[in-house]
Amino acid sequence: MMVYTITKTLDVKKLNCPFPILKTKKAINDIEIGEYIEVLATDPGSVSDFQAWCNSTSHELVESSQENGIFKYIIKKTK
């Protein structure tokens, strides 16, 4: 497991699609290219949503995990 320096943590637990993506899209504008944002979600649909969003925006989904119903995503801002 790699260690990342998280610049920003976004808690979108209890929010359902499309809000986790919308809030991440807004929050990623607050960090610099090359920095990492950690997103914590509880929506099971967020797994495919974040994969698709990262593919369409070219941001890098560097880690995706799930523990005790919490989905954690680490995304590197690429542009």
N, C-alpha and C. Protein backbone atom coordinates (compact mmCIF):
# COMPACT_ATOMS: atom_id res chain seq x y z
N MET A 1 0.84 -1.18 0.00
CA MET A 1 0.00 0.00 0.00
C MET A 1 0.88 1.25 0.00
N MET A 2 0.65 2.10 -0.95
CA MET A 2 1.44 3.32 -1.06
C MET A 2 0.94 4.36 -0.07
N VAL A 3 1.82 5.28 0.26
CA VAL A 3 1.45 6.37 1.16
C VAL A 3 1.41 7.65 0.33
N TYR A 4 0.33 8.37 0.46
CA TYR A 4 0.14 9.61 -0.28
C TYR A 4 0.01 10.76 0.71
N THR A 5 0.48 11.91 0.31
CA THR A 5 0.25 13.10 1.13
C THR A 5 -1.08 13.69 0.68
N ILE A 6 -2.08 13.54 1.52
CA ILE A 6 -3.42 14.00 1.20
C ILE A 6 -3.50 15.51 1.45
N THR A 7 -3.87 16.24 0.42
CA THR A 7 -3.99 17.69 0.54
C THR A 7 -5.35 18.06 1.11
N LYS A 8 -6.38 17.29 0.74
CA LYS A 8 -7.74 17.62 1.16
C LYS A 8 -8.51 16.33 1.35
N THR A 9 -9.33 16.28 2.40
CA THR A 9 -10.24 15.15 2.61
C THR A 9 -11.66 15.66 2.47
N LEU A 10 -12.43 14.93 1.68
CA LEU A 10 -13.81 15.30 1.42
C LEU A 10 -14.72 14.20 1.96
N ASP A 11 -15.59 14.57 2.87
CA ASP A 11 -16.52 13.61 3.47
C ASP A 11 -17.88 13.76 2.79
N VAL A 12 -18.22 12.77 1.96
CA VAL A 12 -19.52 12.79 1.28
C VAL A 12 -20.36 11.58 1.73
N LYS A 13 -20.08 11.11 2.93
CA LYS A 13 -20.86 9.99 3.47
C LYS A 13 -22.32 10.42 3.60
N LYS A 14 -23.20 9.48 3.41
CA LYS A 14 -24.66 9.67 3.47
C LYS A 14 -25.23 10.42 2.26
N LEU A 15 -24.37 10.79 1.31
CA LEU A 15 -24.86 11.43 0.08
C LEU A 15 -24.90 10.38 -1.03
N ASN A 16 -25.93 10.48 -1.87
CA ASN A 16 -26.06 9.54 -2.98
C ASN A 16 -25.82 10.26 -4.30
N CYS A 17 -25.61 9.45 -5.33
CA CYS A 17 -25.38 9.95 -6.68
C CYS A 17 -26.42 11.01 -7.03
N PRO A 18 -26.03 12.10 -7.62
CA PRO A 18 -24.70 12.44 -8.15
C PRO A 18 -23.86 13.30 -7.22
N PHE A 19 -24.29 13.49 -5.97
CA PHE A 19 -23.64 14.46 -5.09
C PHE A 19 -22.18 14.15 -4.74
N PRO A 20 -21.78 12.87 -4.51
CA PRO A 20 -20.35 12.65 -4.24
C PRO A 20 -19.45 13.15 -5.39
N ILE A 21 -19.87 12.89 -6.62
CA ILE A 21 -19.07 13.34 -7.78
C ILE A 21 -19.11 14.86 -7.89
N LEU A 22 -20.28 15.46 -7.74
CA LEU A 22 -20.40 16.92 -7.86
C LEU A 22 -19.53 17.63 -6.82
N LYS A 23 -19.56 17.13 -5.59
CA LYS A 23 -18.76 17.76 -4.53
C LYS A 23 -17.27 17.53 -4.76
N THR A 24 -16.90 16.36 -5.29
CA THR A 24 -15.49 16.08 -5.60
C THR A 24 -15.02 16.99 -6.72
N LYS A 25 -15.85 17.17 -7.73
CA LYS A 25 -15.51 18.03 -8.86
C LYS A 25 -15.22 19.46 -8.38
N LYS A 26 -16.02 19.94 -7.44
CA LYS A 26 -15.83 21.28 -6.88
C LYS A 26 -14.56 21.32 -6.01
N ALA A 27 -14.38 20.31 -5.17
CA ALA A 27 -13.26 20.30 -4.22
C ALA A 27 -11.91 20.14 -4.92
N ILE A 28 -11.88 19.42 -6.03
CA ILE A 28 -10.60 19.19 -6.71
C ILE A 28 -10.06 20.49 -7.30
N ASN A 29 -10.93 21.46 -7.50
CA ASN A 29 -10.48 22.77 -7.98
C ASN A 29 -9.69 23.53 -6.92
N ASP A 30 -9.81 23.11 -5.65
CA ASP A 30 -9.11 23.78 -4.55
C ASP A 30 -7.69 23.26 -4.32
N ILE A 31 -7.30 22.22 -5.06
CA ILE A 31 -5.95 21.68 -4.87
C ILE A 31 -5.15 21.88 -6.16
N GLU A 32 -3.84 21.73 -6.03
CA GLU A 32 -2.94 21.95 -7.18
C GLU A 32 -2.74 20.65 -7.95
N ILE A 33 -2.32 20.78 -9.21
CA ILE A 33 -1.99 19.61 -10.03
C ILE A 33 -0.90 18.81 -9.33
N GLY A 34 -1.09 17.50 -9.28
CA GLY A 34 -0.13 16.62 -8.62
C GLY A 34 -0.46 16.33 -7.17
N GLU A 35 -1.42 17.06 -6.61
CA GLU A 35 -1.83 16.82 -5.22
C GLU A 35 -2.95 15.78 -5.18
N TYR A 36 -3.22 15.29 -3.98
CA TYR A 36 -4.17 14.20 -3.78
C TYR A 36 -5.36 14.66 -2.93
N ILE A 37 -6.53 14.18 -3.32
CA ILE A 37 -7.73 14.39 -2.53
C ILE A 37 -8.25 13.01 -2.11
N GLU A 38 -8.64 12.92 -0.87
CA GLU A 38 -9.23 11.69 -0.34
C GLU A 38 -10.73 11.92 -0.21
N VAL A 39 -11.50 10.99 -0.74
CA VAL A 39 -12.96 11.11 -0.68
C VAL A 39 -13.51 9.92 0.10
N LEU A 40 -14.37 10.21 1.07
CA LEU A 40 -15.01 9.16 1.88
C LEU A 40 -16.50 9.16 1.56
N ALA A 41 -17.00 8.01 1.13
CA ALA A 41 -18.40 7.91 0.69
C ALA A 41 -19.03 6.64 1.26
N THR A 42 -20.38 6.63 1.27
CA THR A 42 -21.10 5.43 1.71
C THR A 42 -21.99 4.86 0.60
N ASP A 43 -22.09 5.56 -0.52
CA ASP A 43 -22.93 5.12 -1.63
C ASP A 43 -22.21 4.02 -2.42
N PRO A 44 -22.75 2.78 -2.43
CA PRO A 44 -22.10 1.70 -3.17
C PRO A 44 -21.95 2.01 -4.67
N GLY A 45 -22.85 2.82 -5.19
CA GLY A 45 -22.76 3.21 -6.60
C GLY A 45 -21.58 4.11 -6.89
N SER A 46 -20.98 4.65 -5.83
CA SER A 46 -19.85 5.57 -6.04
C SER A 46 -18.64 4.86 -6.63
N VAL A 47 -18.53 3.54 -6.46
CA VAL A 47 -17.39 2.81 -7.00
C VAL A 47 -17.30 3.00 -8.51
N SER A 48 -18.37 2.68 -9.21
CA SER A 48 -18.35 2.84 -10.68
C SER A 48 -18.39 4.31 -11.07
N ASP A 49 -19.06 5.14 -10.26
CA ASP A 49 -19.13 6.58 -10.55
C ASP A 49 -17.74 7.20 -10.56
N PHE A 50 -16.92 6.90 -9.54
CA PHE A 50 -15.59 7.50 -9.45
C PHE A 50 -14.67 6.97 -10.54
N GLN A 51 -14.80 5.69 -10.88
CA GLN A 51 -13.98 5.14 -11.97
C GLN A 51 -14.32 5.86 -13.28
N ALA A 52 -15.60 6.00 -13.55
CA ALA A 52 -16.04 6.65 -14.79
C ALA A 52 -15.64 8.13 -14.80
N TRP A 53 -15.81 8.80 -13.66
CA TRP A 53 -15.48 10.23 -13.58
C TRP A 53 -13.99 10.46 -13.80
N CYS A 54 -13.16 9.63 -13.17
CA CYS A 54 -11.71 9.77 -13.34
C CYS A 54 -11.31 9.49 -14.80
N ASN A 55 -11.93 8.50 -15.41
CA ASN A 55 -11.65 8.21 -16.83
C ASN A 55 -12.02 9.39 -17.71
N SER A 56 -13.16 10.01 -17.43
CA SER A 56 -13.63 11.08 -18.30
C SER A 56 -12.91 12.41 -18.05
N THR A 57 -12.34 12.59 -16.87
CA THR A 57 -11.66 13.86 -16.54
C THR A 57 -10.14 13.74 -16.61
N SER A 58 -9.64 12.52 -16.75
CA SER A 58 -8.19 12.24 -16.77
C SER A 58 -7.52 12.39 -15.41
N HIS A 59 -8.29 12.62 -14.34
CA HIS A 59 -7.68 12.59 -13.01
C HIS A 59 -7.41 11.12 -12.69
N GLU A 60 -6.40 10.87 -11.86
CA GLU A 60 -5.98 9.50 -11.62
C GLU A 60 -6.57 8.96 -10.31
N LEU A 61 -7.34 7.88 -10.43
CA LEU A 61 -7.85 7.18 -9.25
C LEU A 61 -6.74 6.25 -8.80
N VAL A 62 -5.97 6.68 -7.80
CA VAL A 62 -4.79 5.92 -7.41
C VAL A 62 -5.10 4.84 -6.37
N GLU A 63 -6.20 5.02 -5.67
CA GLU A 63 -6.58 4.00 -4.69
C GLU A 63 -8.08 4.02 -4.47
N SER A 64 -8.63 2.83 -4.34
CA SER A 64 -10.06 2.68 -4.06
C SER A 64 -10.19 1.51 -3.10
N SER A 65 -10.81 1.75 -1.95
CA SER A 65 -10.96 0.67 -0.98
C SER A 65 -12.29 0.83 -0.25
N GLN A 66 -12.66 -0.24 0.46
CA GLN A 66 -13.91 -0.22 1.20
C GLN A 66 -13.70 -0.95 2.52
N GLU A 67 -14.16 -0.31 3.59
CA GLU A 67 -14.04 -0.92 4.91
C GLU A 67 -15.22 -0.47 5.77
N ASN A 68 -15.93 -1.43 6.33
CA ASN A 68 -17.08 -1.14 7.21
C ASN A 68 -18.11 -0.22 6.55
N GLY A 69 -18.36 -0.44 5.27
CA GLY A 69 -19.37 0.35 4.58
C GLY A 69 -18.92 1.73 4.14
N ILE A 70 -17.65 2.05 4.36
CA ILE A 70 -17.09 3.34 3.93
C ILE A 70 -16.19 3.09 2.72
N PHE A 71 -16.49 3.77 1.64
CA PHE A 71 -15.66 3.68 0.44
C PHE A 71 -14.67 4.83 0.47
N LYS A 72 -13.39 4.51 0.25
CA LYS A 72 -12.35 5.54 0.27
C LYS A 72 -11.70 5.60 -1.10
N TYR A 73 -11.61 6.79 -1.63
CA TYR A 73 -10.97 7.02 -2.92
C TYR A 73 -9.86 8.02 -2.75
N ILE A 74 -8.72 7.74 -3.35
CA ILE A 74 -7.64 8.72 -3.39
C ILE A 74 -7.43 9.07 -4.86
N ILE A 75 -7.59 10.35 -5.14
CA ILE A 75 -7.54 10.82 -6.53
C ILE A 75 -6.43 11.85 -6.66
N LYS A 76 -5.62 11.66 -7.69
CA LYS A 76 -4.54 12.61 -7.99
C LYS A 76 -5.02 13.56 -9.06
N LYS A 77 -4.90 14.84 -8.77
CA LYS A 77 -5.30 15.87 -9.75
C LYS A 77 -4.23 15.92 -10.85
N THR A 78 -4.66 15.78 -12.09
CA THR A 78 -3.68 15.69 -13.18
C THR A 78 -3.72 16.88 -14.13
N LYS A 79 -4.75 17.73 -14.01
CA LYS A 79 -4.80 18.88 -14.92
C LYS A 79 -5.55 20.04 -14.30
